[in-house]
Every structure is written in structure tokens, then in C-alpha cells.
């Protein structure tokens, strides 16, 4: 994904940090070389999910598709990549995912884009 020059990226699991410390090679105009940025992170929340419909004539033991997708700041899913499950159900799963919406990740109340892995059930 395109990233603007000067951007910072943070990745964290299990524990939700509340600050990031950035250390520069040297400070500017006598300022310290390190700066602490405090933040509040709110996780994404699925608001609407529609199960996919198995196409007629297709029978699968486990009708679940796994995708890596990108949840944008507007709560829409895009750029989905197949990870697993019956490939015969992938088109139906992606059609269902197009109807999903979520509350995006928010940092200090500002929505941001976020990659994620989803399970899309089909019935």
C-alpha cells in the first residue's frame, strides 16, 4: 500500500500499548533526541456481516473462506487475498464480504486503515 513520506508504522499484538517512543540520531535546537507519543487505540468492530450463499450444486464439508483484507478508514473491506478454504466458494465469499461493514481501527478517535484476516462463513 502506498505510504506517505515521513510516515511511522506500529504493529502490536495481544497488548494494547498506550505510547510510542521515537528516538532520533540527535535532537533539534537543543531538544531531547527522544519523544514520547501517547495514544488511545480502539480495535475494529464488525457492524454488519452477511453470510455467503453456497452456489447450487457445490457441496463442501467446511464452507468457510479465509481472506486477508484491508479495512479502510470508512469501514469498507478491499484488496482481499485468498488464504484458505474451498476455492470453489471464494467468489461467493467475496460477494458476501462486499456487503460487510465495520467500525475501523481508531487512534485517538481518528479512523485508520488496517489489514486483517477474516473468516467468511457460507450457508
Protein backbone atom coordinates (compact mmCIF):
# COMPACT_ATOMS: atom_id res chain seq x y z
CA UNK A 1 0.00 0.00 0.00
CA UNK A 2 1.31 3.49 -0.71
CA UNK A 3 2.68 5.17 2.39
CA UNK A 4 3.33 8.92 2.57
CA UNK A 5 6.92 10.03 3.15
CA UNK A 6 7.65 10.57 6.82
CA UNK A 7 5.02 8.07 7.99
CA UNK A 8 5.53 5.88 11.02
CA UNK A 9 4.22 2.37 11.37
CA UNK A 10 3.43 0.47 14.56
CA UNK A 11 2.49 -3.16 14.85
CA UNK A 12 1.44 -4.73 18.09
CA UNK A 13 -0.31 -7.89 19.14
CA UNK A 14 -2.11 -9.00 22.33
CA UNK A 15 -1.11 -5.97 24.41
CA UNK A 16 -2.50 -2.54 23.53
CA UNK A 17 0.31 -0.04 24.09
CA UNK A 18 -0.56 3.50 25.11
CA UNK A 19 2.55 5.22 23.84
CA UNK A 20 5.37 5.03 21.32
CA UNK A 21 8.87 6.35 21.95
CA UNK A 22 10.74 7.66 18.92
CA UNK A 23 14.49 8.20 19.23
CA UNK A 24 16.28 10.28 16.62
CA UNK A 25 20.01 10.28 15.97
CA UNK A 26 20.16 13.73 17.59
CA UNK A 27 17.77 16.35 18.90
CA UNK A 28 16.97 19.61 17.13
CA UNK A 29 17.85 23.00 18.62
CA UNK A 30 18.81 21.51 21.97
CA UNK A 31 15.68 19.37 22.30
CA UNK A 32 15.98 15.77 23.52
CA UNK A 33 16.64 13.10 20.89
CA UNK A 34 13.62 11.07 22.09
CA UNK A 35 9.96 11.97 22.01
CA UNK A 36 7.05 10.06 23.56
CA UNK A 37 3.74 9.97 21.69
CA UNK A 38 0.72 8.97 23.76
CA UNK A 39 -2.30 7.43 22.05
CA UNK A 40 -5.52 5.51 22.56
CA UNK A 41 -6.14 2.63 20.19
CA UNK A 42 -9.67 1.27 19.65
CA UNK A 43 -9.90 -2.06 17.82
CA UNK A 44 -12.11 -2.62 14.78
CA UNK A 45 -15.67 -3.81 15.37
CA UNK A 46 -17.74 -5.70 12.84
CA UNK A 47 -21.07 -3.88 12.43
CA UNK A 48 -22.69 -5.86 9.63
CA UNK A 49 -21.83 -9.27 8.24
CA UNK A 50 -23.79 -11.26 5.70
CA UNK A 51 -23.02 -14.96 5.32
CA UNK A 52 -22.22 -16.01 1.79
CA UNK A 53 -24.59 -18.30 -0.06
CA UNK A 54 -23.20 -21.60 -1.35
CA UNK A 55 -23.88 -21.77 -5.08
CA UNK A 56 -26.26 -24.53 -6.21
CA UNK A 57 -24.51 -27.83 -6.95
CA UNK A 58 -21.47 -27.13 -4.75
CA UNK A 59 -21.03 -29.21 -1.60
CA UNK A 60 -18.16 -28.53 0.79
CA UNK A 61 -17.52 -30.11 4.20
CA UNK A 62 -16.31 -26.85 5.75
CA UNK A 63 -17.95 -23.88 3.99
CA UNK A 64 -15.65 -21.16 5.36
CA UNK A 65 -13.25 -18.98 3.37
CA UNK A 66 -10.27 -17.22 4.95
CA UNK A 67 -9.04 -13.95 3.46
CA UNK A 68 -6.57 -11.25 4.29
CA UNK A 69 -8.26 -7.95 3.60
CA UNK A 70 -7.86 -4.25 4.22
CA UNK A 71 -10.38 -2.38 6.36
CA UNK A 72 -10.23 1.26 5.29
CA UNK A 73 -10.99 4.30 7.44
CA UNK A 74 -14.58 4.34 6.11
CA UNK A 75 -15.28 0.79 7.33
CA UNK A 76 -15.15 -0.89 3.91
CA UNK A 77 -13.18 -4.03 3.08
CA UNK A 78 -10.95 -4.09 -0.01
CA UNK A 79 -7.88 -5.75 -1.55
CA UNK A 80 -8.92 -9.18 -0.28
CA UNK A 81 -6.49 -12.04 -0.83
CA UNK A 82 -7.41 -15.72 -0.57
CA UNK A 83 -5.77 -17.56 2.36
CA UNK A 84 -7.72 -20.81 2.69
CA UNK A 85 -10.92 -22.78 2.47
CA UNK A 86 -12.62 -24.30 -0.56
CA UNK A 87 -11.63 -22.27 -3.63
CA UNK A 88 -14.99 -23.14 -5.20
CA UNK A 89 -16.62 -20.84 -2.61
CA UNK A 90 -14.25 -17.89 -3.00
CA UNK A 91 -16.44 -15.87 -5.43
CA UNK A 92 -19.49 -16.26 -3.16
CA UNK A 93 -17.42 -15.30 -0.10
CA UNK A 94 -16.08 -12.16 -1.76
CA UNK A 95 -19.59 -11.23 -2.85
CA UNK A 96 -20.75 -11.53 0.78
CA UNK A 97 -17.74 -9.57 2.05
CA UNK A 98 -18.69 -6.67 -0.24
CA UNK A 99 -21.82 -6.28 1.93
CA UNK A 100 -19.94 -6.26 5.25
CA UNK A 101 -19.12 -3.12 7.18
CA UNK A 102 -17.10 -2.45 10.29
CA UNK A 103 -16.04 0.32 12.57
CA UNK A 104 -12.37 0.82 11.65
CA UNK A 105 -9.41 0.90 13.99
CA UNK A 106 -9.21 4.31 15.63
CA UNK A 107 -6.15 6.02 17.01
CA UNK A 108 -7.05 8.91 19.29
CA UNK A 109 -10.53 8.80 17.76
CA UNK A 110 -9.29 9.06 14.17
CA UNK A 111 -10.19 6.12 11.89
CA UNK A 112 -7.25 4.48 10.12
CA UNK A 113 -6.86 1.69 7.59
CA UNK A 114 -5.82 -1.71 8.87
CA UNK A 115 -5.05 -5.10 7.31
CA UNK A 116 -6.80 -8.06 8.92
CA UNK A 117 -7.63 -11.72 8.47
CA UNK A 118 -11.30 -12.72 8.29
CA UNK A 119 -13.34 -15.91 8.20
CA UNK A 120 -16.29 -15.68 5.84
CA UNK A 121 -18.91 -18.36 6.55
CA UNK A 122 -21.18 -19.63 3.79
CA UNK A 123 -24.52 -21.38 4.15
